[in-house]
């Protein structure tokens, strides 16, 4: 569901969105969307995994987030008239995904310490 929300909001005409004057707000939104995107995909993948190891689901979720973000930017450049592709948006997407990976790794390390 979150993937669909991000997809839709990323491709809707920008003149349909409210204007809020905060410097680089769109970059924070990109980072937030991909933080949540990566986290939710990780939770989905780990819940369907036979193993308790987090590396593979985490790397799949991270890679999916990065490639999804790049694809959205390409689609914005090709199919919208009020948006354009932006490499800084891709950087913000990657930053959000990295932050999610970091948060998940820290959480799992702390929870592993609590179980010992």
N, C-alpha and C. Protein backbone atom coordinates (compact mmCIF):
# COMPACT_ATOMS: atom_id res chain seq x y z
N UNK A 1 0.82 -1.19 0.00
CA UNK A 1 0.00 0.00 0.00
C UNK A 1 0.87 1.26 0.00
N UNK A 2 1.92 1.25 0.86
CA UNK A 2 2.80 2.41 0.92
C UNK A 2 3.46 2.66 -0.44
N UNK A 3 3.85 1.59 -1.13
CA UNK A 3 4.46 1.72 -2.44
C UNK A 3 3.51 2.44 -3.39
N UNK A 4 2.25 2.09 -3.35
CA UNK A 4 1.24 2.75 -4.18
C UNK A 4 1.06 4.22 -3.83
N UNK A 5 1.09 4.52 -2.54
CA UNK A 5 0.96 5.92 -2.09
C UNK A 5 2.14 6.74 -2.60
N UNK A 6 3.35 6.23 -2.43
CA UNK A 6 4.54 6.94 -2.89
C UNK A 6 4.49 7.11 -4.40
N UNK A 7 4.13 6.05 -5.11
CA UNK A 7 4.04 6.11 -6.57
C UNK A 7 3.06 7.19 -7.00
N UNK A 8 1.88 7.19 -6.42
CA UNK A 8 0.85 8.15 -6.80
C UNK A 8 1.26 9.58 -6.47
N UNK A 9 1.75 9.81 -5.25
CA UNK A 9 2.14 11.17 -4.87
C UNK A 9 3.32 11.67 -5.67
N UNK A 10 4.16 10.77 -6.11
CA UNK A 10 5.34 11.17 -6.89
C UNK A 10 5.00 11.55 -8.32
N UNK A 11 3.90 11.05 -8.83
CA UNK A 11 3.55 11.32 -10.23
C UNK A 11 2.37 12.24 -10.42
N UNK A 12 1.71 12.65 -9.32
CA UNK A 12 0.59 13.58 -9.44
C UNK A 12 1.16 14.95 -9.87
N UNK A 13 0.38 15.68 -10.63
CA UNK A 13 0.82 17.01 -11.07
C UNK A 13 1.10 17.87 -9.85
N UNK A 14 2.24 18.51 -9.83
CA UNK A 14 2.64 19.27 -8.64
C UNK A 14 1.77 20.49 -8.40
N UNK A 15 1.08 20.99 -9.42
CA UNK A 15 0.19 22.13 -9.18
C UNK A 15 -1.07 21.69 -8.44
N UNK A 16 -1.25 20.37 -8.23
CA UNK A 16 -2.38 19.85 -7.46
C UNK A 16 -2.05 19.77 -5.97
N UNK A 17 -0.77 19.96 -5.63
CA UNK A 17 -0.33 19.82 -4.25
C UNK A 17 -0.29 21.18 -3.56
N UNK A 18 -0.53 21.21 -2.24
CA UNK A 18 -0.45 22.48 -1.52
C UNK A 18 0.99 23.00 -1.50
N UNK A 19 1.14 24.31 -1.50
CA UNK A 19 2.46 24.93 -1.46
C UNK A 19 2.78 25.30 -0.01
N UNK A 20 3.91 24.79 0.46
CA UNK A 20 4.41 25.10 1.80
C UNK A 20 5.82 25.62 1.61
N UNK A 21 6.10 26.81 2.11
CA UNK A 21 7.39 27.43 1.89
C UNK A 21 8.40 27.09 2.98
N UNK A 22 8.96 25.90 2.90
CA UNK A 22 10.05 25.46 3.77
C UNK A 22 11.19 25.05 2.84
N UNK A 23 12.37 25.60 3.07
CA UNK A 23 13.51 25.32 2.22
C UNK A 23 13.79 23.81 2.19
N UNK A 24 13.89 23.27 0.99
CA UNK A 24 14.20 21.85 0.75
C UNK A 24 13.20 20.88 1.37
N UNK A 25 11.97 21.32 1.58
CA UNK A 25 10.95 20.44 2.16
C UNK A 25 10.78 19.18 1.34
N UNK A 26 10.84 19.30 0.02
CA UNK A 26 10.66 18.12 -0.83
C UNK A 26 11.74 17.07 -0.57
N UNK A 27 12.95 17.49 -0.23
CA UNK A 27 14.04 16.52 0.05
C UNK A 27 13.75 15.77 1.35
N UNK A 28 13.23 16.48 2.34
CA UNK A 28 12.86 15.82 3.61
C UNK A 28 11.73 14.82 3.36
N UNK A 29 10.80 15.20 2.52
CA UNK A 29 9.68 14.30 2.19
C UNK A 29 10.19 13.06 1.46
N UNK A 30 11.09 13.26 0.52
CA UNK A 30 11.68 12.11 -0.19
C UNK A 30 12.38 11.17 0.81
N UNK A 31 13.18 11.74 1.69
CA UNK A 31 13.90 10.91 2.67
C UNK A 31 12.91 10.17 3.57
N UNK A 32 11.87 10.86 4.03
CA UNK A 32 10.86 10.24 4.89
C UNK A 32 10.14 9.10 4.16
N UNK A 33 9.71 9.36 2.93
CA UNK A 33 9.01 8.33 2.15
C UNK A 33 9.87 7.08 2.00
N UNK A 34 11.15 7.26 1.71
CA UNK A 34 12.00 6.10 1.48
C UNK A 34 12.48 5.45 2.79
N UNK A 35 12.48 6.20 3.86
CA UNK A 35 12.72 5.60 5.18
C UNK A 35 11.58 4.62 5.49
N UNK A 36 10.36 5.08 5.33
CA UNK A 36 9.19 4.24 5.59
C UNK A 36 9.12 3.10 4.56
N UNK A 37 9.35 3.41 3.29
CA UNK A 37 9.33 2.42 2.22
C UNK A 37 10.28 1.27 2.53
N UNK A 38 11.52 1.59 2.85
CA UNK A 38 12.53 0.57 3.14
C UNK A 38 12.15 -0.22 4.39
N UNK A 39 11.70 0.46 5.42
CA UNK A 39 11.32 -0.21 6.67
C UNK A 39 10.16 -1.17 6.47
N UNK A 40 9.14 -0.74 5.76
CA UNK A 40 7.97 -1.60 5.55
C UNK A 40 8.30 -2.80 4.68
N UNK A 41 9.09 -2.59 3.62
CA UNK A 41 9.48 -3.72 2.79
C UNK A 41 10.35 -4.70 3.58
N UNK A 42 11.24 -4.16 4.43
CA UNK A 42 12.04 -5.05 5.27
C UNK A 42 11.13 -5.89 6.18
N UNK A 43 10.18 -5.25 6.83
CA UNK A 43 9.28 -5.98 7.73
C UNK A 43 8.50 -7.05 6.97
N UNK A 44 8.05 -6.73 5.78
CA UNK A 44 7.35 -7.72 4.96
C UNK A 44 8.27 -8.89 4.62
N UNK A 45 9.47 -8.57 4.15
CA UNK A 45 10.40 -9.62 3.73
C UNK A 45 10.87 -10.49 4.89
N UNK A 46 11.16 -9.88 6.04
CA UNK A 46 11.64 -10.66 7.19
C UNK A 46 10.51 -11.54 7.73
N UNK A 47 9.27 -11.06 7.63
CA UNK A 47 8.13 -11.86 8.13
C UNK A 47 7.87 -13.07 7.23
N UNK A 48 8.32 -13.01 5.99
CA UNK A 48 8.14 -14.12 5.06
C UNK A 48 9.42 -14.94 4.87
N UNK A 49 10.40 -14.65 5.69
CA UNK A 49 11.68 -15.34 5.58
C UNK A 49 11.71 -16.55 6.51
N UNK A 50 12.39 -17.58 6.07
CA UNK A 50 12.54 -18.78 6.90
C UNK A 50 13.67 -18.59 7.91
N UNK A 51 14.54 -17.64 7.64
CA UNK A 51 15.70 -17.39 8.47
C UNK A 51 15.44 -16.17 9.36
N UNK A 52 16.13 -16.12 10.47
CA UNK A 52 16.05 -14.95 11.35
C UNK A 52 17.14 -13.93 11.03
N UNK A 53 17.98 -14.24 10.06
CA UNK A 53 19.03 -13.31 9.65
C UNK A 53 18.40 -12.14 8.91
N UNK A 54 18.91 -10.94 9.18
CA UNK A 54 18.30 -9.74 8.61
C UNK A 54 19.00 -9.23 7.35
N UNK A 55 20.20 -9.72 7.06
CA UNK A 55 20.99 -9.13 5.98
C UNK A 55 20.28 -9.18 4.62
N UNK A 56 19.86 -10.35 4.19
CA UNK A 56 19.24 -10.48 2.86
C UNK A 56 17.96 -9.65 2.74
N UNK A 57 17.00 -9.77 3.68
CA UNK A 57 15.79 -8.94 3.56
C UNK A 57 16.10 -7.44 3.60
N UNK A 58 17.09 -7.07 4.39
CA UNK A 58 17.45 -5.66 4.51
C UNK A 58 18.06 -5.14 3.22
N UNK A 59 18.93 -5.91 2.61
CA UNK A 59 19.55 -5.48 1.35
C UNK A 59 18.55 -5.48 0.20
N UNK A 60 17.62 -6.43 0.20
CA UNK A 60 16.58 -6.43 -0.83
C UNK A 60 15.70 -5.19 -0.68
N UNK A 61 15.29 -4.88 0.55
CA UNK A 61 14.44 -3.71 0.79
C UNK A 61 15.18 -2.42 0.40
N UNK A 62 16.45 -2.33 0.75
CA UNK A 62 17.25 -1.16 0.42
C UNK A 62 17.37 -1.01 -1.10
N UNK A 63 17.72 -2.09 -1.77
CA UNK A 63 17.89 -2.06 -3.23
C UNK A 63 16.57 -1.72 -3.92
N UNK A 64 15.49 -2.31 -3.46
CA UNK A 64 14.17 -2.01 -4.02
C UNK A 64 13.84 -0.53 -3.86
N UNK A 65 14.13 0.03 -2.70
CA UNK A 65 13.86 1.43 -2.45
C UNK A 65 14.67 2.34 -3.37
N UNK A 66 15.94 2.04 -3.53
CA UNK A 66 16.80 2.86 -4.37
C UNK A 66 16.34 2.80 -5.83
N UNK A 67 16.11 1.59 -6.35
CA UNK A 67 15.70 1.46 -7.75
C UNK A 67 14.30 2.03 -7.98
N UNK A 68 13.41 1.89 -7.01
CA UNK A 68 12.08 2.48 -7.12
C UNK A 68 12.20 4.00 -7.19
N UNK A 69 13.04 4.57 -6.34
CA UNK A 69 13.24 6.02 -6.34
C UNK A 69 13.80 6.53 -7.66
N UNK A 70 14.76 5.80 -8.23
CA UNK A 70 15.32 6.17 -9.53
C UNK A 70 14.25 6.07 -10.61
N UNK A 71 13.47 5.00 -10.58
CA UNK A 71 12.41 4.81 -11.58
C UNK A 71 11.38 5.94 -11.51
N UNK A 72 11.02 6.34 -10.32
CA UNK A 72 10.06 7.44 -10.15
C UNK A 72 10.61 8.72 -10.76
N UNK A 73 11.88 9.00 -10.51
CA UNK A 73 12.48 10.22 -11.07
C UNK A 73 12.47 10.18 -12.60
N UNK A 74 12.79 9.04 -13.17
CA UNK A 74 12.76 8.90 -14.63
C UNK A 74 11.34 9.11 -15.14
N UNK A 75 10.37 8.48 -14.47
CA UNK A 75 8.96 8.64 -14.88
C UNK A 75 8.50 10.09 -14.78
N UNK A 76 8.96 10.79 -13.73
CA UNK A 76 8.59 12.20 -13.61
C UNK A 76 9.11 13.00 -14.79
N UNK A 77 10.32 12.70 -15.22
CA UNK A 77 10.89 13.41 -16.35
C UNK A 77 10.20 13.09 -17.67
N UNK A 78 9.75 11.85 -17.79
CA UNK A 78 9.15 11.42 -19.06
C UNK A 78 7.65 11.71 -19.16
N UNK A 79 6.92 11.60 -18.06
CA UNK A 79 5.46 11.58 -18.15
C UNK A 79 4.72 12.68 -17.40
N UNK A 80 5.43 13.59 -16.77
CA UNK A 80 4.72 14.68 -16.12
C UNK A 80 5.16 16.00 -16.73
N UNK A 81 4.29 16.98 -16.67
CA UNK A 81 4.63 18.30 -17.22
C UNK A 81 4.98 19.30 -16.12
N UNK A 82 4.59 19.00 -14.89
CA UNK A 82 4.85 19.95 -13.80
C UNK A 82 5.96 19.47 -12.86
N UNK A 83 6.57 18.35 -13.19
CA UNK A 83 7.67 17.83 -12.38
C UNK A 83 8.83 17.51 -13.31
N UNK A 84 10.02 17.44 -12.70
CA UNK A 84 11.20 17.06 -13.47
C UNK A 84 12.04 16.11 -12.64
N UNK A 85 12.85 15.33 -13.33
CA UNK A 85 13.74 14.42 -12.60
C UNK A 85 14.83 15.27 -11.93
N UNK A 86 15.26 14.79 -10.75
CA UNK A 86 16.22 15.56 -9.96
C UNK A 86 17.15 14.60 -9.24
N UNK A 87 18.43 14.71 -9.51
CA UNK A 87 19.41 13.84 -8.88
C UNK A 87 19.45 14.05 -7.36
N UNK A 88 19.13 15.26 -6.90
CA UNK A 88 19.10 15.50 -5.46
C UNK A 88 17.92 14.78 -4.80
N UNK A 89 16.83 14.58 -5.54
CA UNK A 89 15.74 13.76 -5.03
C UNK A 89 16.19 12.31 -4.86
N UNK A 90 16.96 11.82 -5.83
CA UNK A 90 17.51 10.46 -5.72
C UNK A 90 18.42 10.37 -4.50
N UNK A 91 19.25 11.38 -4.28
CA UNK A 91 20.13 11.39 -3.11
C UNK A 91 19.32 11.38 -1.82
N UNK A 92 18.24 12.14 -1.77
CA UNK A 92 17.38 12.16 -0.58
C UNK A 92 16.72 10.79 -0.38
N UNK A 93 16.31 10.16 -1.47
CA UNK A 93 15.73 8.81 -1.39
C UNK A 93 16.73 7.83 -0.80
N UNK A 94 17.95 7.87 -1.30
CA UNK A 94 19.00 6.97 -0.83
C UNK A 94 19.31 7.25 0.64
N UNK A 95 19.35 8.53 1.01
CA UNK A 95 19.59 8.89 2.40
C UNK A 95 18.51 8.30 3.31
N UNK A 96 17.25 8.42 2.92
CA UNK A 96 16.16 7.84 3.72
C UNK A 96 16.28 6.34 3.84
N UNK A 97 16.66 5.68 2.75
CA UNK A 97 16.83 4.22 2.77
C UNK A 97 18.01 3.83 3.67
N UNK A 98 19.11 4.57 3.58
CA UNK A 98 20.27 4.29 4.44
C UNK A 98 19.90 4.49 5.90
N UNK A 99 19.17 5.54 6.20
CA UNK A 99 18.74 5.80 7.58
C UNK A 99 17.86 4.66 8.09
N UNK A 100 17.00 4.12 7.25
CA UNK A 100 16.17 2.98 7.64
C UNK A 100 17.04 1.76 7.93
N UNK A 101 18.01 1.49 7.07
CA UNK A 101 18.92 0.35 7.28
C UNK A 101 19.66 0.52 8.61
N UNK A 102 20.17 1.71 8.86
CA UNK A 102 20.88 1.98 10.10
C UNK A 102 19.98 1.76 11.31
N UNK A 103 18.77 2.28 11.26
CA UNK A 103 17.81 2.12 12.36
C UNK A 103 17.50 0.65 12.62
N UNK A 104 17.28 -0.10 11.56
CA UNK A 104 16.95 -1.52 11.70
C UNK A 104 18.13 -2.30 12.28
N UNK A 105 19.32 -2.04 11.79
CA UNK A 105 20.50 -2.73 12.31
C UNK A 105 20.70 -2.42 13.79
N UNK A 106 20.59 -1.17 14.17
CA UNK A 106 20.73 -0.79 15.58
C UNK A 106 19.66 -1.48 16.42
N UNK A 107 18.41 -1.47 15.95
CA UNK A 107 17.33 -2.12 16.68
C UNK A 107 17.62 -3.61 16.88
N UNK A 108 18.04 -4.29 15.83
CA UNK A 108 18.31 -5.73 15.94
C UNK A 108 19.51 -6.02 16.83
N UNK A 109 20.51 -5.16 16.80
CA UNK A 109 21.67 -5.36 17.69
C UNK A 109 21.28 -5.15 19.14
N UNK A 110 20.50 -4.14 19.42
CA UNK A 110 20.06 -3.88 20.79
C UNK A 110 19.15 -5.01 21.28
N UNK A 111 18.23 -5.45 20.43
CA UNK A 111 17.31 -6.52 20.84
C UNK A 111 18.07 -7.83 21.05
N UNK A 112 19.14 -8.05 20.28
CA UNK A 112 19.96 -9.25 20.47
C UNK A 112 20.71 -9.18 21.80
N UNK A 113 21.16 -7.99 22.18
CA UNK A 113 21.83 -7.82 23.46
C UNK A 113 20.88 -8.05 24.62
N UNK A 114 19.64 -7.61 24.45
CA UNK A 114 18.62 -7.79 25.50
C UNK A 114 18.27 -9.26 25.69
N UNK A 115 18.39 -10.06 24.63
CA UNK A 115 18.04 -11.48 24.71
C UNK A 115 19.17 -12.33 25.30
N UNK A 116 20.34 -11.77 25.44
CA UNK A 116 21.48 -12.53 26.00
C UNK A 116 21.64 -12.32 27.47
